[in-house]
């Protein structure tokens, strides 16, 4: 049975990827940040605690999965807690977004890369499409996602024996929209009449994993 690692499996998108992967007989391993969920959905999913902002947590996780050979790795982890004009965004916000969205992922990748099977697939999910269509008030988050996209392209060229791809979905309800200022909610409603179904994103992730010819591609998914 092929083995898939999903970072952030307890989130809306991670859970959708796990649901479709399980239906296609993948052996799914997932990570969670805070508390392991008591949800029957995750029965049969090997769960590991992983805080991408903590070097200790990353080190512990890599020890737990040492030697596991992966057929696919999907990163759905995303962090941003601050939305404001650029001049009002403290540098510490940029530092935190880069720490979780980029540097934590780099540390995990460097740890699992030796165990990746030849022709395995690694998917970067650039949530909310800011890696393709930057929006005002999201400068720190957008900068971190552009860094991920550049990293994906560089690794696709450096490690051609592994397939590296990204998925950039349009807006989907990941739960954070409720916390946005009203002016930003209105901006989203004006631009995005519909939300993307997380399962459509998950299906694209699985399609890229199964596409042997796909490497160094950024797949954009817009609302229907």
Protein backbone atom coordinates (compact mmCIF):
# COMPACT_ATOMS: atom_id res chain seq x y z
CA UNK A 1 0.00 0.00 0.00
CA UNK A 2 1.34 3.43 -0.92
CA UNK A 3 2.08 5.75 1.97
CA UNK A 4 1.10 9.45 2.05
CA UNK A 5 2.11 12.06 4.63
CA UNK A 6 -0.31 14.97 5.04
CA UNK A 7 0.95 17.91 7.09
CA UNK A 8 -1.99 19.65 8.75
CA UNK A 9 -4.39 16.77 8.28
CA UNK A 10 -6.86 18.12 10.85
CA UNK A 11 -7.54 21.29 8.85
CA UNK A 12 -10.36 21.62 6.34
CA UNK A 13 -8.11 21.02 3.35
CA UNK A 14 -5.92 18.36 4.96
CA UNK A 15 -9.00 16.40 5.96
CA UNK A 16 -10.39 16.59 2.41
CA UNK A 17 -7.11 15.26 0.98
CA UNK A 18 -7.11 12.45 3.57
CA UNK A 19 -10.71 11.54 2.78
CA UNK A 20 -10.06 11.10 -0.94
CA UNK A 21 -6.69 9.42 -0.39
CA UNK A 22 -8.24 6.87 1.99
CA UNK A 23 -11.00 6.16 -0.54
CA UNK A 24 -8.24 5.31 -3.03
CA UNK A 25 -6.51 2.90 -0.64
CA UNK A 26 -3.63 5.12 0.42
CA UNK A 27 -2.01 4.50 3.81
CA UNK A 28 -2.38 7.98 5.31
CA UNK A 29 -0.13 9.47 7.98
CA UNK A 30 -1.08 12.90 9.31
CA UNK A 31 0.16 15.66 11.58
CA UNK A 32 -1.69 17.93 13.98
CA UNK A 33 -0.45 21.02 15.81
CA UNK A 34 -2.33 21.23 19.09
CA UNK A 35 -4.35 18.25 20.36
CA UNK A 36 -4.96 14.97 18.57
CA UNK A 37 -8.60 15.08 17.45
CA UNK A 38 -11.09 12.60 18.86
CA UNK A 39 -12.75 12.02 15.52
CA UNK A 40 -13.63 8.60 14.10
CA UNK A 41 -12.69 9.96 10.68
CA UNK A 42 -9.04 9.65 11.70
CA UNK A 43 -9.34 5.98 12.72
CA UNK A 44 -6.65 4.16 10.78
CA UNK A 45 -4.64 7.36 10.24
CA UNK A 46 -1.30 7.35 12.05
CA UNK A 47 -1.24 10.72 13.80
CA UNK A 48 1.86 12.66 14.86
CA UNK A 49 2.14 15.96 16.71
CA UNK A 50 4.04 18.59 14.72
CA UNK A 51 4.41 22.30 15.41
CA UNK A 52 6.15 23.85 12.40
CA UNK A 53 7.26 26.80 14.56
CA UNK A 54 9.15 24.58 17.02
CA UNK A 55 12.55 23.06 16.26
CA UNK A 56 12.04 20.61 19.12
CA UNK A 57 8.67 19.46 17.76
CA UNK A 58 10.09 19.08 14.26
CA UNK A 59 13.03 17.08 15.61
CA UNK A 60 10.72 14.79 17.59
CA UNK A 61 8.50 14.23 14.56
CA UNK A 62 11.44 13.37 12.30
CA UNK A 63 12.65 10.81 14.85
CA UNK A 64 9.18 9.23 14.95
CA UNK A 65 9.03 8.79 11.16
CA UNK A 66 12.71 8.03 10.61
CA UNK A 67 13.16 5.39 7.91
CA UNK A 68 9.58 5.57 6.64
CA UNK A 69 9.53 5.53 2.85
CA UNK A 70 7.04 8.01 1.44
CA UNK A 71 5.25 7.80 -1.89
CA UNK A 72 3.65 11.23 -1.47
CA UNK A 73 3.89 14.21 0.88
CA UNK A 74 1.29 16.98 0.93
CA UNK A 75 1.81 20.17 2.92
CA UNK A 76 -1.44 21.97 3.76
CA UNK A 77 -0.06 23.93 6.73
CA UNK A 78 -0.52 27.68 6.54
CA UNK A 79 -0.15 30.41 9.10
CA UNK A 80 -1.08 34.05 9.33
CA UNK A 81 -2.73 35.85 12.21
CA UNK A 82 -2.32 39.43 11.05
CA UNK A 83 -4.07 41.39 8.31
CA UNK A 84 -3.28 45.08 7.92
CA UNK A 85 -1.61 47.70 5.78
CA UNK A 86 2.06 47.00 5.12
CA UNK A 87 3.35 49.96 7.16
CA UNK A 88 1.32 48.75 10.15
CA UNK A 89 2.58 45.17 9.93
CA UNK A 90 5.37 44.56 12.47
CA UNK A 91 8.48 42.74 11.18
CA UNK A 92 7.76 40.07 13.78
CA UNK A 93 4.67 39.09 11.78
CA UNK A 94 6.81 38.51 8.68
CA UNK A 95 9.22 36.51 10.82
CA UNK A 96 6.46 34.28 12.23
CA UNK A 97 4.85 33.61 8.84
CA UNK A 98 8.23 32.74 7.32
CA UNK A 99 9.08 30.57 10.32
CA UNK A 100 5.98 28.40 10.01
CA UNK A 101 5.15 28.56 6.31
CA UNK A 102 8.71 28.29 4.97
CA UNK A 103 11.46 27.48 7.46
CA UNK A 104 9.51 24.80 9.31
CA UNK A 105 8.64 23.15 5.98
CA UNK A 106 12.29 23.36 4.91
CA UNK A 107 13.37 21.53 8.08
CA UNK A 108 10.76 18.81 7.57
CA UNK A 109 11.69 18.40 3.90
CA UNK A 110 15.39 18.09 4.67
CA UNK A 111 14.58 15.41 7.22
CA UNK A 112 12.29 13.26 5.06
CA UNK A 113 13.95 13.74 1.67
CA UNK A 114 16.38 10.79 2.10
CA UNK A 115 13.36 8.49 2.65
CA UNK A 116 11.38 9.62 -0.38
CA UNK A 117 10.90 6.87 -2.94
CA UNK A 118 12.10 7.49 -6.47
CA UNK A 119 9.33 9.13 -8.52
CA UNK A 120 7.55 10.09 -5.30
CA UNK A 121 5.39 13.22 -5.29
CA UNK A 122 5.62 16.29 -3.05
CA UNK A 123 2.81 18.84 -3.16
CA UNK A 124 2.97 22.41 -1.87
CA UNK A 125 -0.53 23.78 -1.27
CA UNK A 126 -0.42 27.59 -1.57
CA UNK A 127 -3.67 28.28 0.21
CA UNK A 128 -6.07 31.01 -0.87
CA UNK A 129 -4.13 31.58 -4.12
CA UNK A 130 -2.01 34.46 -2.76
CA UNK A 131 0.95 32.74 -4.33
CA UNK A 132 -0.58 33.73 -7.68
CA UNK A 133 -2.91 36.64 -6.99
CA UNK A 134 -1.57 38.74 -4.11
CA UNK A 135 -4.10 40.79 -2.18
CA UNK A 136 -3.67 43.95 -0.16
CA UNK A 137 -3.30 43.61 3.61
CA UNK A 138 -1.72 40.16 3.22
CA UNK A 139 1.90 41.24 2.63
CA UNK A 140 3.57 38.92 5.15
CA UNK A 141 1.49 35.88 4.20
CA UNK A 142 1.96 36.54 0.48
CA UNK A 143 5.73 36.92 0.88
CA UNK A 144 5.94 33.54 2.61
CA UNK A 145 3.86 31.83 -0.09
CA UNK A 146 5.94 33.31 -2.91
CA UNK A 147 8.99 31.92 -1.10
CA UNK A 148 7.38 28.47 -1.11
CA UNK A 149 6.61 28.69 -4.81
CA UNK A 150 10.21 29.65 -5.59
CA UNK A 151 11.43 26.79 -3.39
CA UNK A 152 9.21 24.32 -5.26
CA UNK A 153 10.58 25.40 -8.65
CA UNK A 154 14.18 25.21 -7.42
CA UNK A 155 13.74 21.72 -5.93
CA UNK A 156 11.98 20.43 -9.05
CA UNK A 157 15.14 21.30 -10.96
CA UNK A 158 17.54 20.02 -8.29
CA UNK A 159 15.79 16.70 -7.55
CA UNK A 160 14.23 15.50 -10.84
CA UNK A 161 13.84 11.98 -9.45
CA UNK A 162 11.01 13.38 -7.30
CA UNK A 163 7.97 15.19 -8.69
CA UNK A 164 7.41 18.63 -7.14
CA UNK A 165 4.17 20.52 -7.75
CA UNK A 166 2.05 23.24 -6.18
CA UNK A 167 -1.68 23.83 -5.96
CA UNK A 168 -3.00 27.39 -5.67
CA UNK A 169 -6.72 27.30 -4.85
CA UNK A 170 -9.06 30.24 -4.88
CA UNK A 171 -10.81 31.22 -1.69
CA UNK A 172 -12.30 28.38 0.33
CA UNK A 173 -13.83 28.42 3.77
CA UNK A 174 -10.98 27.31 5.99
CA UNK A 175 -12.55 28.93 9.04
CA UNK A 176 -10.34 32.01 9.21
CA UNK A 177 -12.63 34.21 7.10
CA UNK A 178 -14.85 34.88 10.12
CA UNK A 179 -11.96 36.66 11.83
CA UNK A 180 -11.26 39.10 9.01
CA UNK A 181 -12.14 42.81 9.32
CA UNK A 182 -15.46 43.71 7.70
CA UNK A 183 -13.82 45.71 4.89
CA UNK A 184 -11.79 42.64 3.91
CA UNK A 185 -14.80 40.35 4.08
CA UNK A 186 -16.61 42.70 1.71
CA UNK A 187 -13.62 42.72 -0.63
CA UNK A 188 -13.68 38.95 -0.77
CA UNK A 189 -17.43 38.83 -1.40
CA UNK A 190 -17.09 41.26 -4.30
CA UNK A 191 -14.26 39.36 -5.97
CA UNK A 192 -15.26 35.77 -5.18
CA UNK A 193 -18.94 35.07 -5.76
CA UNK A 194 -18.42 31.42 -4.92
CA UNK A 195 -16.00 29.52 -2.76
CA UNK A 196 -13.87 26.64 -3.95
CA UNK A 197 -14.92 23.25 -2.62
CA UNK A 198 -12.00 21.79 -0.58
CA UNK A 199 -12.74 18.42 -2.17
CA UNK A 200 -12.05 19.90 -5.63
CA UNK A 201 -8.67 21.03 -4.32
CA UNK A 202 -8.04 17.60 -2.84
CA UNK A 203 -8.93 15.90 -6.12
CA UNK A 204 -6.41 18.11 -7.93
CA UNK A 205 -3.77 17.18 -5.35
CA UNK A 206 -4.41 13.48 -5.99
CA UNK A 207 -4.43 14.05 -9.76
CA UNK A 208 -0.99 15.65 -9.62
CA UNK A 209 0.31 12.84 -7.43
CA UNK A 210 -0.84 10.32 -10.04
CA UNK A 211 0.44 12.32 -13.03
CA UNK A 212 3.88 10.90 -13.83
CA UNK A 213 4.59 13.70 -16.29
CA UNK A 214 3.84 16.50 -13.85
CA UNK A 215 6.84 18.27 -12.31
CA UNK A 216 7.43 21.91 -11.46
CA UNK A 217 3.79 22.85 -12.06
CA UNK A 218 1.59 25.31 -10.19
CA UNK A 219 -2.05 24.30 -10.64
CA UNK A 220 -4.58 27.09 -10.06
CA UNK A 221 -8.11 26.22 -8.98
CA UNK A 222 -10.80 28.89 -9.27
CA UNK A 223 -14.42 28.89 -8.05
CA UNK A 224 -16.84 27.21 -10.44
